[in-house]
Amino acid sequence: MPFRLWYYLTKVGCFILFPIIVITFFMPDGGLMGRLGAAAMWLMVILGLTGAFMGVRLAFGKLRMLCPFCGRGGRVGGDKQDGLWMVCESCGFVHGSGFLGLKIVREEIEDDAEEGQTPE
C-alpha cells in the first residue's frame, strides 16, 4: 500500500467520517442522511480493520509501504514525536510535517560511520 494514501486516509479521512457518524446518529433513520451515516460507518469499520491488520504487522516490524517520492518499498514505523514514518533506502526518513502534520517530507539519514565517528 502506498504510504501517502494510508497517511492521508488516517489523518483526514477519520476527521471527516467521525463527525458525519455523530451528526447522522441523531437524524431519523431512512432518507439521505441515514444512508450517509451508514456509508460513513462502513468506511470507518473498513479503515479500522485495515488499521488493526497493519498495526499487528507494524508491531512485529513487518510493515512495508511504498515511498511517496520514489515508489520503492520501505520499512514503516511510528512514534509519539514523529507519528507514522517510513525509512526509504533512496529518500531517507519520510514523515509528516507542517501545520497539523499534513505535509509529507523527507530527510536524509545521517550515517555516523561515514563521517568517521564510531557508533555508540
N, C-alpha and C. Protein backbone atom coordinates (compact mmCIF):
# COMPACT_ATOMS: atom_id res chain seq x y z
N MET A 1 0.85 -1.17 0.00
CA MET A 1 0.00 0.00 0.00
C MET A 1 0.90 1.24 0.00
N PRO A 2 0.54 2.26 -0.75
CA PRO A 2 1.32 3.49 -0.76
C PRO A 2 1.24 4.22 0.59
N PHE A 3 2.38 4.70 1.05
CA PHE A 3 2.46 5.43 2.31
C PHE A 3 1.58 6.67 2.29
N ARG A 4 1.62 7.41 1.19
CA ARG A 4 0.84 8.66 1.08
C ARG A 4 -0.65 8.39 1.22
N LEU A 5 -1.16 7.34 0.59
CA LEU A 5 -2.58 7.01 0.66
C LEU A 5 -3.00 6.72 2.10
N TRP A 6 -2.28 5.84 2.79
CA TRP A 6 -2.66 5.49 4.15
C TRP A 6 -2.48 6.68 5.10
N TYR A 7 -1.44 7.46 4.90
CA TYR A 7 -1.18 8.61 5.75
C TYR A 7 -2.35 9.59 5.70
N TYR A 8 -2.80 9.93 4.50
CA TYR A 8 -3.89 10.90 4.39
C TYR A 8 -5.25 10.29 4.74
N LEU A 9 -5.44 9.01 4.49
CA LEU A 9 -6.69 8.37 4.93
C LEU A 9 -6.85 8.46 6.44
N THR A 10 -5.77 8.22 7.16
CA THR A 10 -5.86 8.27 8.61
C THR A 10 -5.88 9.69 9.14
N LYS A 11 -5.14 10.60 8.54
CA LYS A 11 -5.09 11.98 9.02
C LYS A 11 -6.38 12.74 8.71
N VAL A 12 -6.88 12.62 7.49
CA VAL A 12 -8.02 13.42 7.06
C VAL A 12 -9.33 12.62 7.08
N GLY A 13 -9.26 11.39 6.62
CA GLY A 13 -10.48 10.59 6.49
C GLY A 13 -11.22 10.39 7.79
N CYS A 14 -10.51 10.08 8.85
CA CYS A 14 -11.17 9.84 10.14
C CYS A 14 -11.77 11.11 10.71
N PHE A 15 -11.13 12.26 10.47
CA PHE A 15 -11.66 13.51 10.98
C PHE A 15 -12.88 14.00 10.18
N ILE A 16 -13.10 13.42 9.03
CA ILE A 16 -14.31 13.73 8.25
C ILE A 16 -15.40 12.71 8.57
N LEU A 17 -15.04 11.43 8.62
CA LEU A 17 -16.03 10.38 8.84
C LEU A 17 -16.64 10.42 10.24
N PHE A 18 -15.84 10.64 11.27
CA PHE A 18 -16.35 10.60 12.64
C PHE A 18 -17.44 11.64 12.89
N PRO A 19 -17.26 12.92 12.50
CA PRO A 19 -18.36 13.88 12.70
C PRO A 19 -19.61 13.53 11.90
N ILE A 20 -19.44 12.97 10.71
CA ILE A 20 -20.61 12.55 9.93
C ILE A 20 -21.39 11.48 10.68
N ILE A 21 -20.68 10.53 11.26
CA ILE A 21 -21.34 9.45 12.02
C ILE A 21 -22.07 10.03 13.22
N VAL A 22 -21.43 10.94 13.94
CA VAL A 22 -22.05 11.52 15.13
C VAL A 22 -23.28 12.35 14.76
N ILE A 23 -23.18 13.17 13.73
CA ILE A 23 -24.29 14.02 13.33
C ILE A 23 -25.46 13.19 12.82
N THR A 24 -25.19 12.20 11.99
CA THR A 24 -26.29 11.40 11.44
C THR A 24 -26.87 10.43 12.45
N PHE A 25 -26.18 10.20 13.57
CA PHE A 25 -26.72 9.34 14.62
C PHE A 25 -27.99 9.94 15.21
N PHE A 26 -28.07 11.25 15.25
CA PHE A 26 -29.23 11.93 15.82
C PHE A 26 -30.30 12.24 14.78
N MET A 27 -30.08 11.90 13.54
CA MET A 27 -31.06 12.11 12.48
C MET A 27 -32.01 10.91 12.42
N PRO A 28 -33.21 11.12 11.89
CA PRO A 28 -34.12 9.98 11.76
C PRO A 28 -33.60 8.96 10.74
N ASP A 29 -33.91 7.69 10.99
CA ASP A 29 -33.49 6.63 10.07
C ASP A 29 -34.18 6.81 8.72
N GLY A 30 -33.55 6.31 7.70
CA GLY A 30 -34.09 6.42 6.36
C GLY A 30 -33.72 7.77 5.76
N GLY A 31 -33.90 7.88 4.49
CA GLY A 31 -33.57 9.11 3.81
C GLY A 31 -32.08 9.21 3.53
N LEU A 32 -31.71 10.33 2.98
CA LEU A 32 -30.33 10.56 2.56
C LEU A 32 -29.36 10.60 3.74
N MET A 33 -29.73 11.25 4.82
CA MET A 33 -28.82 11.36 5.97
C MET A 33 -28.59 10.00 6.63
N GLY A 34 -29.59 9.16 6.67
CA GLY A 34 -29.42 7.82 7.23
C GLY A 34 -28.47 6.98 6.40
N ARG A 35 -28.62 7.07 5.08
CA ARG A 35 -27.71 6.33 4.20
C ARG A 35 -26.30 6.88 4.26
N LEU A 36 -26.16 8.20 4.38
CA LEU A 36 -24.84 8.81 4.51
C LEU A 36 -24.17 8.34 5.80
N GLY A 37 -24.90 8.29 6.89
CA GLY A 37 -24.35 7.81 8.15
C GLY A 37 -23.94 6.35 8.09
N ALA A 38 -24.76 5.53 7.43
CA ALA A 38 -24.43 4.10 7.29
C ALA A 38 -23.18 3.92 6.43
N ALA A 39 -23.07 4.68 5.36
CA ALA A 39 -21.88 4.59 4.50
C ALA A 39 -20.63 5.04 5.25
N ALA A 40 -20.74 6.12 6.02
CA ALA A 40 -19.61 6.60 6.81
C ALA A 40 -19.20 5.57 7.85
N MET A 41 -20.19 4.92 8.47
CA MET A 41 -19.90 3.90 9.47
C MET A 41 -19.16 2.71 8.84
N TRP A 42 -19.62 2.27 7.67
CA TRP A 42 -18.95 1.14 7.00
C TRP A 42 -17.53 1.51 6.59
N LEU A 43 -17.34 2.72 6.09
CA LEU A 43 -15.98 3.15 5.73
C LEU A 43 -15.08 3.20 6.96
N MET A 44 -15.62 3.67 8.09
CA MET A 44 -14.84 3.73 9.32
C MET A 44 -14.48 2.32 9.81
N VAL A 45 -15.41 1.38 9.68
CA VAL A 45 -15.13 -0.01 10.07
C VAL A 45 -14.04 -0.60 9.19
N ILE A 46 -14.13 -0.36 7.89
CA ILE A 46 -13.12 -0.87 6.96
C ILE A 46 -11.74 -0.27 7.28
N LEU A 47 -11.70 1.05 7.52
CA LEU A 47 -10.43 1.68 7.89
C LEU A 47 -9.90 1.12 9.21
N GLY A 48 -10.79 0.86 10.16
CA GLY A 48 -10.37 0.31 11.44
C GLY A 48 -9.80 -1.09 11.33
N LEU A 49 -10.46 -1.94 10.55
CA LEU A 49 -9.96 -3.31 10.36
C LEU A 49 -8.63 -3.32 9.61
N THR A 50 -8.52 -2.47 8.60
CA THR A 50 -7.25 -2.37 7.87
C THR A 50 -6.15 -1.85 8.80
N GLY A 51 -6.48 -0.86 9.61
CA GLY A 51 -5.52 -0.33 10.56
C GLY A 51 -5.09 -1.36 11.60
N ALA A 52 -6.03 -2.20 12.04
CA ALA A 52 -5.69 -3.25 13.00
C ALA A 52 -4.73 -4.26 12.39
N PHE A 53 -5.00 -4.68 11.16
CA PHE A 53 -4.12 -5.61 10.47
C PHE A 53 -2.73 -5.01 10.29
N MET A 54 -2.69 -3.75 9.85
CA MET A 54 -1.40 -3.10 9.64
C MET A 54 -0.70 -2.84 10.97
N GLY A 55 -1.45 -2.58 12.04
CA GLY A 55 -0.86 -2.37 13.35
C GLY A 55 -0.16 -3.61 13.89
N VAL A 56 -0.76 -4.78 13.63
CA VAL A 56 -0.12 -6.03 14.05
C VAL A 56 1.18 -6.22 13.29
N ARG A 57 1.16 -5.97 11.99
CA ARG A 57 2.39 -6.08 11.19
C ARG A 57 3.42 -5.06 11.64
N LEU A 58 2.97 -3.86 12.00
CA LEU A 58 3.87 -2.82 12.48
C LEU A 58 4.52 -3.24 13.80
N ALA A 59 3.75 -3.85 14.68
CA ALA A 59 4.27 -4.28 15.99
C ALA A 59 5.36 -5.33 15.84
N PHE A 60 5.27 -6.15 14.81
CA PHE A 60 6.28 -7.18 14.60
C PHE A 60 7.38 -6.75 13.63
N GLY A 61 7.34 -5.48 13.19
CA GLY A 61 8.39 -4.96 12.31
C GLY A 61 8.30 -5.46 10.89
N LYS A 62 7.14 -5.93 10.47
CA LYS A 62 6.98 -6.49 9.12
C LYS A 62 6.24 -5.57 8.16
N LEU A 63 5.83 -4.39 8.60
CA LEU A 63 5.04 -3.50 7.75
C LEU A 63 5.95 -2.74 6.80
N ARG A 64 5.64 -2.83 5.51
CA ARG A 64 6.37 -2.12 4.47
C ARG A 64 5.37 -1.41 3.58
N MET A 65 5.72 -0.21 3.14
CA MET A 65 4.87 0.57 2.24
C MET A 65 5.71 1.17 1.13
N LEU A 66 5.03 1.70 0.13
CA LEU A 66 5.70 2.34 -1.00
C LEU A 66 5.98 3.80 -0.68
N CYS A 67 7.19 4.24 -0.97
CA CYS A 67 7.62 5.61 -0.72
C CYS A 67 6.81 6.58 -1.59
N PRO A 68 6.35 7.71 -1.01
CA PRO A 68 5.60 8.67 -1.81
C PRO A 68 6.45 9.46 -2.80
N PHE A 69 7.76 9.40 -2.68
CA PHE A 69 8.64 10.17 -3.56
C PHE A 69 9.23 9.34 -4.69
N CYS A 70 9.68 8.11 -4.38
CA CYS A 70 10.34 7.31 -5.42
C CYS A 70 9.58 6.03 -5.76
N GLY A 71 8.63 5.61 -4.94
CA GLY A 71 7.84 4.42 -5.23
C GLY A 71 8.47 3.11 -4.79
N ARG A 72 9.64 3.16 -4.15
CA ARG A 72 10.28 1.94 -3.66
C ARG A 72 9.72 1.58 -2.29
N GLY A 73 9.80 0.32 -1.95
CA GLY A 73 9.30 -0.15 -0.67
C GLY A 73 10.25 0.21 0.46
N GLY A 74 9.68 0.42 1.64
CA GLY A 74 10.49 0.73 2.81
C GLY A 74 9.79 0.34 4.09
N ARG A 75 10.57 0.21 5.15
CA ARG A 75 10.04 -0.17 6.45
C ARG A 75 9.28 0.99 7.06
N VAL A 76 8.14 0.68 7.69
CA VAL A 76 7.28 1.69 8.30
C VAL A 76 7.35 1.55 9.81
N GLY A 77 7.29 2.67 10.49
CA GLY A 77 7.27 2.68 11.94
C GLY A 77 6.45 3.86 12.43
N GLY A 78 6.45 4.04 13.70
CA GLY A 78 5.72 5.16 14.27
C GLY A 78 6.14 5.42 15.69
N ASP A 79 6.03 6.66 16.10
CA ASP A 79 6.29 7.01 17.48
C ASP A 79 5.49 8.26 17.82
N LYS A 80 5.54 8.65 19.09
CA LYS A 80 4.74 9.77 19.54
C LYS A 80 5.22 11.10 18.95
N GLN A 81 6.52 11.24 18.79
CA GLN A 81 7.07 12.50 18.30
C GLN A 81 6.83 12.71 16.80
N ASP A 82 7.13 11.70 15.99
CA ASP A 82 7.05 11.85 14.53
C ASP A 82 5.77 11.28 13.94
N GLY A 83 4.98 10.55 14.69
CA GLY A 83 3.79 9.91 14.15
C GLY A 83 4.17 8.75 13.25
N LEU A 84 3.40 8.54 12.19
CA LEU A 84 3.70 7.48 11.23
C LEU A 84 4.86 7.92 10.35
N TRP A 85 5.86 7.07 10.18
CA TRP A 85 7.01 7.39 9.36
C TRP A 85 7.47 6.15 8.61
N MET A 86 8.33 6.36 7.64
CA MET A 86 8.94 5.24 6.93
C MET A 86 10.38 5.57 6.60
N VAL A 87 11.16 4.52 6.38
CA VAL A 87 12.56 4.67 6.00
C VAL A 87 12.70 4.10 4.60
N CYS A 88 13.07 4.97 3.66
CA CYS A 88 13.27 4.57 2.27
C CYS A 88 14.78 4.55 2.01
N GLU A 89 15.24 3.54 1.31
CA GLU A 89 16.68 3.42 1.03
C GLU A 89 17.21 4.59 0.22
N SER A 90 16.41 5.11 -0.71
CA SER A 90 16.91 6.18 -1.56
C SER A 90 16.51 7.58 -1.08
N CYS A 91 15.37 7.71 -0.41
CA CYS A 91 14.89 9.03 0.00
C CYS A 91 15.22 9.38 1.45
N GLY A 92 15.41 8.40 2.28
CA GLY A 92 15.73 8.66 3.69
C GLY A 92 14.52 8.50 4.58
N PHE A 93 14.42 9.38 5.57
CA PHE A 93 13.37 9.34 6.59
C PHE A 93 12.17 10.14 6.08
N VAL A 94 11.03 9.48 5.88
CA VAL A 94 9.83 10.12 5.34
C VAL A 94 8.80 10.19 6.47
N HIS A 95 8.28 11.41 6.71
CA HIS A 95 7.31 11.59 7.79
C HIS A 95 6.47 12.84 7.54
N GLY A 96 5.49 13.05 8.38
CA GLY A 96 4.63 14.21 8.27
C GLY A 96 5.24 15.43 8.95
N SER A 97 4.91 16.61 8.44
CA SER A 97 5.43 17.85 8.99
C SER A 97 4.44 18.96 8.69
N GLY A 98 4.72 20.14 9.18
CA GLY A 98 3.90 21.30 8.86
C GLY A 98 2.67 21.41 9.74
N PHE A 99 1.79 22.32 9.38
CA PHE A 99 0.57 22.58 10.12
C PHE A 99 -0.30 21.34 10.16
N LEU A 100 -0.61 20.85 11.33
CA LEU A 100 -1.41 19.64 11.56
C LEU A 100 -0.75 18.38 11.00
N GLY A 101 0.49 18.46 10.59
CA GLY A 101 1.19 17.29 10.06
C GLY A 101 0.68 16.82 8.72
N LEU A 102 0.16 17.72 7.91
CA LEU A 102 -0.44 17.33 6.64
C LEU A 102 0.52 17.38 5.45
N LYS A 103 1.77 17.70 5.69
CA LYS A 103 2.75 17.73 4.60
C LYS A 103 3.73 16.59 4.81
N ILE A 104 3.95 15.80 3.79
CA ILE A 104 4.89 14.69 3.87
C ILE A 104 6.25 15.18 3.38
N VAL A 105 7.27 15.01 4.21
CA VAL A 105 8.62 15.47 3.87
C VAL A 105 9.60 14.31 4.00
N ARG A 106 10.76 14.50 3.42
CA ARG A 106 11.83 13.50 3.54
C ARG A 106 13.07 14.18 4.06
N GLU A 107 13.80 13.44 4.86
CA GLU A 107 15.06 13.93 5.41
C GLU A 107 16.12 12.88 5.15
N GLU A 108 17.31 13.35 4.81
CA GLU A 108 18.42 12.42 4.62
C GLU A 108 18.80 11.82 5.96
N ILE A 109 19.10 10.55 5.96
CA ILE A 109 19.53 9.87 7.18
C ILE A 109 21.03 10.05 7.29
N GLU A 110 21.45 10.63 8.40
CA GLU A 110 22.87 10.85 8.63
C GLU A 110 23.49 9.57 9.14
N ASP A 111 24.50 9.11 8.45
CA ASP A 111 25.19 7.88 8.83
C ASP A 111 26.46 8.26 9.56
N ASP A 112 26.55 7.96 10.86
CA ASP A 112 27.71 8.32 11.66
C ASP A 112 28.98 7.61 11.19
N ALA A 113 28.86 6.41 10.66
CA ALA A 113 30.02 5.65 10.22
C ALA A 113 30.71 6.32 9.04
N GLU A 114 29.94 6.98 8.17
CA GLU A 114 30.52 7.64 7.02
C GLU A 114 31.31 8.89 7.42
N GLU A 115 30.93 9.51 8.55
CA GLU A 115 31.59 10.73 8.98
C GLU A 115 32.83 10.45 9.79
N GLY A 116 33.17 9.19 9.99
CA GLY A 116 34.37 8.84 10.73
C GLY A 116 34.15 8.70 12.22
N GLN A 117 32.89 8.80 12.67
CA GLN A 117 32.61 8.66 14.08
C GLN A 117 32.27 7.20 14.38
N THR A 118 32.57 6.79 15.56
CA THR A 118 32.23 5.41 15.94
C THR A 118 30.82 5.37 16.49
N PRO A 119 30.04 4.39 16.08
CA PRO A 119 28.67 4.30 16.59
C PRO A 119 28.68 3.93 18.06
N GLU A 120 27.75 4.50 18.82
CA GLU A 120 27.67 4.23 20.27
C GLU A 120 26.75 3.09 20.56
